Amino acid sequence: MRTSLRWVAIVSIAVGAAAGTAALVGSEAAPTPTTSKTVQLSCKNGWRGSIGGLYGGVSFSLDCNYDRNSIVIDGVSGTAYSARMGAESFEHGAVDCFFTGDSAQVHESCAEVRLTIR
């Protein structure tokens, strides 16, 4: 009788361990959600600018000449950003700027050229 109980206990433990291991092997981490963001570059009258950078792991580049320009970037994962912007006007010369941060909405300026990500 004792041998039978031991045998049942050992088999139960082995089956439980195998089932737990199988559950762990088949599981995966949840994927990181991705979204789309609009990147906008606005140049005041008399200014022009260009920018290149990364937002949420997606690269972008954009320019404006005395106006505003925008693009939509897809597959954004996270909110970290870095970008290099150049701005120039005939009256004031040229300016070079670099931005880094971590934000769901970005508002940065380089002279009279403004970057917005939302």
N, C-alpha and C. Protein backbone atom coordinates (compact mmCIF):
# COMPACT_ATOMS: atom_id res chain seq x y z
N MET A 1 0.83 -1.19 0.00
CA MET A 1 0.00 0.00 0.00
C MET A 1 0.87 1.25 0.00
N ARG A 2 1.90 1.24 0.87
CA ARG A 2 2.78 2.41 0.93
C ARG A 2 3.51 2.61 -0.39
N THR A 3 3.91 1.56 -1.03
CA THR A 3 4.60 1.67 -2.30
C THR A 3 3.68 2.28 -3.34
N SER A 4 2.41 1.90 -3.34
CA SER A 4 1.44 2.45 -4.29
C SER A 4 1.24 3.95 -4.05
N LEU A 5 1.15 4.35 -2.80
CA LEU A 5 0.97 5.77 -2.50
C LEU A 5 2.20 6.57 -2.92
N ARG A 6 3.37 6.02 -2.67
CA ARG A 6 4.59 6.70 -3.09
C ARG A 6 4.62 6.83 -4.61
N TRP A 7 4.27 5.77 -5.28
CA TRP A 7 4.28 5.77 -6.74
C TRP A 7 3.30 6.81 -7.28
N VAL A 8 2.12 6.90 -6.71
CA VAL A 8 1.12 7.89 -7.13
C VAL A 8 1.63 9.30 -6.86
N ALA A 9 2.26 9.52 -5.73
CA ALA A 9 2.79 10.84 -5.39
C ALA A 9 3.90 11.25 -6.35
N ILE A 10 4.81 10.33 -6.64
CA ILE A 10 5.92 10.63 -7.55
C ILE A 10 5.40 10.93 -8.96
N VAL A 11 4.47 10.14 -9.43
CA VAL A 11 3.90 10.36 -10.77
C VAL A 11 3.15 11.70 -10.81
N SER A 12 2.43 12.03 -9.76
CA SER A 12 1.69 13.30 -9.71
C SER A 12 2.65 14.49 -9.76
N ILE A 13 3.74 14.41 -9.02
CA ILE A 13 4.73 15.49 -9.02
C ILE A 13 5.37 15.62 -10.41
N ALA A 14 5.69 14.50 -11.02
CA ALA A 14 6.31 14.52 -12.35
C ALA A 14 5.37 15.11 -13.39
N VAL A 15 4.11 14.73 -13.35
CA VAL A 15 3.13 15.25 -14.30
C VAL A 15 2.94 16.76 -14.09
N GLY A 16 2.87 17.18 -12.83
CA GLY A 16 2.72 18.61 -12.53
C GLY A 16 3.92 19.42 -13.02
N ALA A 17 5.12 18.89 -12.80
CA ALA A 17 6.33 19.58 -13.26
C ALA A 17 6.37 19.66 -14.77
N ALA A 18 6.00 18.59 -15.44
CA ALA A 18 5.99 18.59 -16.91
C ALA A 18 4.97 19.58 -17.46
N ALA A 19 3.81 19.65 -16.84
CA ALA A 19 2.77 20.58 -17.29
C ALA A 19 3.21 22.03 -17.07
N GLY A 20 3.86 22.31 -15.94
CA GLY A 20 4.35 23.66 -15.67
C GLY A 20 5.45 24.07 -16.63
N THR A 21 6.35 23.14 -16.93
CA THR A 21 7.43 23.42 -17.88
C THR A 21 6.87 23.65 -19.27
N ALA A 22 5.89 22.87 -19.68
CA ALA A 22 5.27 23.06 -20.99
C ALA A 22 4.58 24.41 -21.10
N ALA A 23 3.97 24.85 -20.02
CA ALA A 23 3.31 26.16 -20.03
C ALA A 23 4.34 27.28 -20.15
N LEU A 24 5.49 27.15 -19.52
CA LEU A 24 6.52 28.17 -19.61
C LEU A 24 7.17 28.22 -20.98
N VAL A 25 7.39 27.07 -21.60
CA VAL A 25 8.02 27.03 -22.91
C VAL A 25 7.12 27.67 -23.96
N GLY A 26 5.83 27.50 -23.88
CA GLY A 26 4.91 28.04 -24.88
C GLY A 26 4.55 29.49 -24.67
N SER A 27 4.95 30.10 -23.56
CA SER A 27 4.53 31.48 -23.31
C SER A 27 5.50 32.47 -23.93
N GLU A 28 4.99 33.65 -24.30
CA GLU A 28 5.80 34.73 -24.87
C GLU A 28 5.46 36.01 -24.15
N ALA A 29 6.38 36.94 -24.14
CA ALA A 29 6.11 38.25 -23.56
C ALA A 29 5.13 39.00 -24.46
N ALA A 30 4.32 39.81 -23.85
CA ALA A 30 3.37 40.60 -24.63
C ALA A 30 4.12 41.57 -25.52
N PRO A 31 3.70 41.73 -26.78
CA PRO A 31 4.40 42.66 -27.67
C PRO A 31 4.20 44.10 -27.22
N THR A 32 5.21 44.92 -27.48
CA THR A 32 5.11 46.33 -27.14
C THR A 32 4.13 46.99 -28.11
N PRO A 33 3.15 47.72 -27.61
CA PRO A 33 2.19 48.36 -28.52
C PRO A 33 2.88 49.45 -29.35
N THR A 34 2.49 49.55 -30.61
CA THR A 34 3.02 50.58 -31.49
C THR A 34 1.92 51.55 -31.88
N THR A 35 2.31 52.77 -32.18
CA THR A 35 1.35 53.80 -32.55
C THR A 35 1.89 54.61 -33.71
N SER A 36 1.10 55.57 -34.14
CA SER A 36 1.50 56.54 -35.16
C SER A 36 1.60 57.91 -34.52
N LYS A 37 2.52 58.71 -34.99
CA LYS A 37 2.70 60.08 -34.50
C LYS A 37 2.84 61.01 -35.69
N THR A 38 2.40 62.26 -35.51
CA THR A 38 2.56 63.29 -36.52
C THR A 38 3.73 64.18 -36.13
N VAL A 39 4.68 64.32 -37.04
CA VAL A 39 5.84 65.17 -36.85
C VAL A 39 5.63 66.41 -37.71
N GLN A 40 5.73 67.59 -37.10
CA GLN A 40 5.49 68.84 -37.83
C GLN A 40 6.67 69.79 -37.61
N LEU A 41 7.10 70.42 -38.69
CA LEU A 41 8.15 71.42 -38.63
C LEU A 41 7.57 72.72 -39.18
N SER A 42 7.62 73.78 -38.37
CA SER A 42 7.03 75.07 -38.74
C SER A 42 8.12 76.13 -38.81
N CYS A 43 8.21 76.82 -39.94
CA CYS A 43 9.18 77.90 -40.13
C CYS A 43 8.43 79.23 -40.20
N LYS A 44 8.84 80.17 -39.36
CA LYS A 44 8.25 81.51 -39.44
C LYS A 44 8.71 82.19 -40.72
N ASN A 45 8.01 83.23 -41.09
CA ASN A 45 8.34 83.96 -42.32
C ASN A 45 9.80 84.43 -42.28
N GLY A 46 10.53 84.16 -43.35
CA GLY A 46 11.94 84.55 -43.42
C GLY A 46 12.90 83.46 -42.97
N TRP A 47 12.39 82.35 -42.46
CA TRP A 47 13.22 81.25 -41.97
C TRP A 47 12.97 79.98 -42.76
N ARG A 48 13.99 79.16 -42.84
CA ARG A 48 13.85 77.80 -43.37
C ARG A 48 14.66 76.87 -42.49
N GLY A 49 14.25 75.61 -42.47
CA GLY A 49 14.91 74.66 -41.59
C GLY A 49 14.75 73.23 -42.06
N SER A 50 15.56 72.37 -41.46
CA SER A 50 15.44 70.93 -41.73
C SER A 50 15.80 70.19 -40.46
N ILE A 51 15.28 68.98 -40.36
CA ILE A 51 15.50 68.17 -39.16
C ILE A 51 15.58 66.70 -39.56
N GLY A 52 16.39 65.97 -38.81
CA GLY A 52 16.47 64.53 -38.94
C GLY A 52 16.61 63.94 -37.55
N GLY A 53 15.94 62.84 -37.31
CA GLY A 53 16.03 62.27 -35.97
C GLY A 53 15.28 60.97 -35.82
N LEU A 54 15.12 60.58 -34.56
CA LEU A 54 14.40 59.36 -34.17
C LEU A 54 13.35 59.71 -33.13
N TYR A 55 12.18 59.08 -33.25
CA TYR A 55 11.17 59.17 -32.20
C TYR A 55 10.60 57.77 -32.01
N GLY A 56 10.69 57.25 -30.80
CA GLY A 56 10.16 55.91 -30.51
C GLY A 56 10.75 54.83 -31.39
N GLY A 57 12.02 55.00 -31.77
CA GLY A 57 12.70 54.00 -32.59
C GLY A 57 12.46 54.13 -34.08
N VAL A 58 11.72 55.14 -34.52
CA VAL A 58 11.42 55.34 -35.93
C VAL A 58 12.14 56.61 -36.40
N SER A 59 12.89 56.50 -37.50
CA SER A 59 13.61 57.67 -38.00
C SER A 59 12.69 58.54 -38.86
N PHE A 60 13.01 59.83 -38.91
CA PHE A 60 12.25 60.77 -39.73
C PHE A 60 13.18 61.89 -40.19
N SER A 61 12.80 62.54 -41.28
CA SER A 61 13.47 63.76 -41.73
C SER A 61 12.42 64.64 -42.40
N LEU A 62 12.62 65.93 -42.26
CA LEU A 62 11.59 66.88 -42.67
C LEU A 62 12.24 68.23 -42.90
N ASP A 63 11.66 69.05 -43.79
CA ASP A 63 12.15 70.41 -43.96
C ASP A 63 10.99 71.37 -44.19
N CYS A 64 11.28 72.64 -44.03
CA CYS A 64 10.27 73.67 -44.30
C CYS A 64 10.97 74.92 -44.82
N ASN A 65 10.31 75.63 -45.71
CA ASN A 65 10.82 76.86 -46.29
C ASN A 65 9.76 77.94 -46.13
N TYR A 66 9.84 78.72 -45.06
CA TYR A 66 8.91 79.83 -44.79
C TYR A 66 7.47 79.35 -44.61
N ASP A 67 7.28 78.10 -44.28
CA ASP A 67 5.93 77.53 -44.14
C ASP A 67 5.97 76.41 -43.12
N ARG A 68 5.09 75.43 -43.28
CA ARG A 68 5.03 74.30 -42.37
C ARG A 68 4.89 73.03 -43.19
N ASN A 69 5.47 71.96 -42.65
CA ASN A 69 5.44 70.67 -43.33
C ASN A 69 5.27 69.59 -42.25
N SER A 70 4.57 68.51 -42.58
CA SER A 70 4.38 67.44 -41.60
C SER A 70 4.36 66.08 -42.28
N ILE A 71 4.69 65.06 -41.48
CA ILE A 71 4.61 63.67 -41.92
C ILE A 71 4.05 62.84 -40.78
N VAL A 72 3.56 61.64 -41.10
CA VAL A 72 3.10 60.69 -40.09
C VAL A 72 4.10 59.54 -40.06
N ILE A 73 4.59 59.22 -38.86
CA ILE A 73 5.49 58.08 -38.70
C ILE A 73 4.72 56.96 -38.01
N ASP A 74 4.86 55.76 -38.55
CA ASP A 74 4.16 54.57 -38.02
C ASP A 74 5.15 53.65 -37.33
N GLY A 75 4.63 52.82 -36.43
CA GLY A 75 5.44 51.83 -35.74
C GLY A 75 6.21 52.37 -34.56
N VAL A 76 5.76 53.49 -34.02
CA VAL A 76 6.43 54.12 -32.88
C VAL A 76 6.25 53.24 -31.65
N SER A 77 7.35 52.95 -30.97
CA SER A 77 7.33 52.14 -29.76
C SER A 77 8.10 52.89 -28.68
N GLY A 78 7.39 53.55 -27.79
CA GLY A 78 8.03 54.34 -26.75
C GLY A 78 7.97 55.83 -27.08
N THR A 79 8.61 56.64 -26.24
CA THR A 79 8.52 58.09 -26.40
C THR A 79 9.89 58.78 -26.39
N ALA A 80 10.97 58.03 -26.42
CA ALA A 80 12.30 58.64 -26.44
C ALA A 80 12.57 59.25 -27.81
N TYR A 81 13.22 60.41 -27.80
CA TYR A 81 13.53 61.06 -29.07
C TYR A 81 14.90 61.72 -29.04
N SER A 82 15.46 61.88 -30.24
CA SER A 82 16.68 62.66 -30.45
C SER A 82 16.60 63.20 -31.87
N ALA A 83 17.01 64.44 -32.04
CA ALA A 83 16.91 65.06 -33.36
C ALA A 83 17.94 66.19 -33.49
N ARG A 84 18.40 66.38 -34.71
CA ARG A 84 19.30 67.48 -35.02
C ARG A 84 18.58 68.38 -36.02
N MET A 85 18.54 69.68 -35.73
CA MET A 85 17.82 70.63 -36.56
C MET A 85 18.75 71.77 -36.97
N GLY A 86 18.63 72.17 -38.20
CA GLY A 86 19.33 73.34 -38.70
C GLY A 86 18.30 74.38 -39.12
N ALA A 87 18.56 75.66 -38.80
CA ALA A 87 17.65 76.74 -39.18
C ALA A 87 18.48 77.89 -39.72
N GLU A 88 17.92 78.61 -40.69
CA GLU A 88 18.65 79.75 -41.24
C GLU A 88 17.70 80.80 -41.80
N SER A 89 18.19 82.03 -41.77
CA SER A 89 17.49 83.14 -42.42
C SER A 89 18.56 84.05 -43.02
N PHE A 90 18.18 84.84 -44.01
CA PHE A 90 19.14 85.76 -44.62
C PHE A 90 19.54 86.85 -43.63
N GLU A 91 18.64 87.25 -42.79
CA GLU A 91 18.88 88.34 -41.85
C GLU A 91 19.69 87.91 -40.63
N HIS A 92 19.43 86.70 -40.11
CA HIS A 92 20.02 86.29 -38.83
C HIS A 92 21.09 85.21 -38.94
N GLY A 93 21.33 84.66 -40.10
CA GLY A 93 22.35 83.62 -40.26
C GLY A 93 21.80 82.23 -39.96
N ALA A 94 22.71 81.31 -39.61
CA ALA A 94 22.34 79.91 -39.42
C ALA A 94 22.51 79.48 -37.96
N VAL A 95 21.69 78.53 -37.56
CA VAL A 95 21.72 77.98 -36.20
C VAL A 95 21.63 76.46 -36.30
N ASP A 96 22.39 75.76 -35.45
CA ASP A 96 22.36 74.30 -35.41
C ASP A 96 21.94 73.89 -34.00
N CYS A 97 20.94 73.01 -33.89
CA CYS A 97 20.42 72.59 -32.59
C CYS A 97 20.31 71.07 -32.51
N PHE A 98 20.43 70.56 -31.29
CA PHE A 98 20.26 69.13 -31.04
C PHE A 98 19.36 68.95 -29.83
N PHE A 99 18.39 68.04 -29.94
CA PHE A 99 17.42 67.82 -28.87
C PHE A 99 17.38 66.33 -28.51
N THR A 100 17.24 66.04 -27.22
CA THR A 100 16.97 64.68 -26.75
C THR A 100 15.94 64.78 -25.63
N GLY A 101 15.20 63.70 -25.44
CA GLY A 101 14.23 63.67 -24.36
C GLY A 101 13.39 62.42 -24.40
N ASP A 102 12.36 62.42 -23.58
CA ASP A 102 11.45 61.28 -23.48
C ASP A 102 10.09 61.84 -23.10
N SER A 103 9.22 62.03 -24.10
CA SER A 103 7.93 62.66 -23.85
C SER A 103 6.92 62.20 -24.90
N ALA A 104 5.66 62.09 -24.48
CA ALA A 104 4.60 61.70 -25.41
C ALA A 104 4.30 62.81 -26.41
N GLN A 105 4.52 64.07 -26.03
CA GLN A 105 4.38 65.20 -26.94
C GLN A 105 5.64 66.03 -26.89
N VAL A 106 6.14 66.43 -28.05
CA VAL A 106 7.40 67.15 -28.14
C VAL A 106 7.13 68.54 -28.70
N HIS A 107 7.72 69.56 -28.06
CA HIS A 107 7.67 70.94 -28.53
C HIS A 107 9.07 71.53 -28.34
N GLU A 108 9.82 71.63 -29.42
CA GLU A 108 11.19 72.15 -29.38
C GLU A 108 11.33 73.25 -30.42
N SER A 109 12.19 74.23 -30.14
CA SER A 109 12.44 75.33 -31.08
C SER A 109 13.92 75.53 -31.28
N CYS A 110 14.27 75.90 -32.50
CA CYS A 110 15.63 76.26 -32.87
C CYS A 110 15.50 77.58 -33.63
N ALA A 111 15.84 78.67 -32.98
CA ALA A 111 15.61 80.02 -33.52
C ALA A 111 14.11 80.17 -33.80
N GLU A 112 13.73 80.42 -35.03
CA GLU A 112 12.31 80.60 -35.36
C GLU A 112 11.71 79.39 -36.08
N VAL A 113 12.31 78.23 -35.90
CA VAL A 113 11.81 76.98 -36.47
C VAL A 113 11.39 76.08 -35.33
N ARG A 114 10.17 75.55 -35.41
CA ARG A 114 9.58 74.79 -34.29
C ARG A 114 9.25 73.37 -34.71
N LEU A 115 9.66 72.42 -33.85
CA LEU A 115 9.33 71.00 -34.02
C LEU A 115 8.20 70.63 -33.07
N THR A 116 7.19 69.93 -33.60
CA THR A 116 6.09 69.43 -32.78
C THR A 116 5.85 67.97 -33.14
N ILE A 117 5.78 67.11 -32.14
CA ILE A 117 5.43 65.70 -32.35
C ILE A 117 4.25 65.40 -31.43
N ARG A 118 3.17 64.92 -32.02
CA ARG A 118 1.98 64.57 -31.23
C ARG A 118 1.27 63.40 -31.86
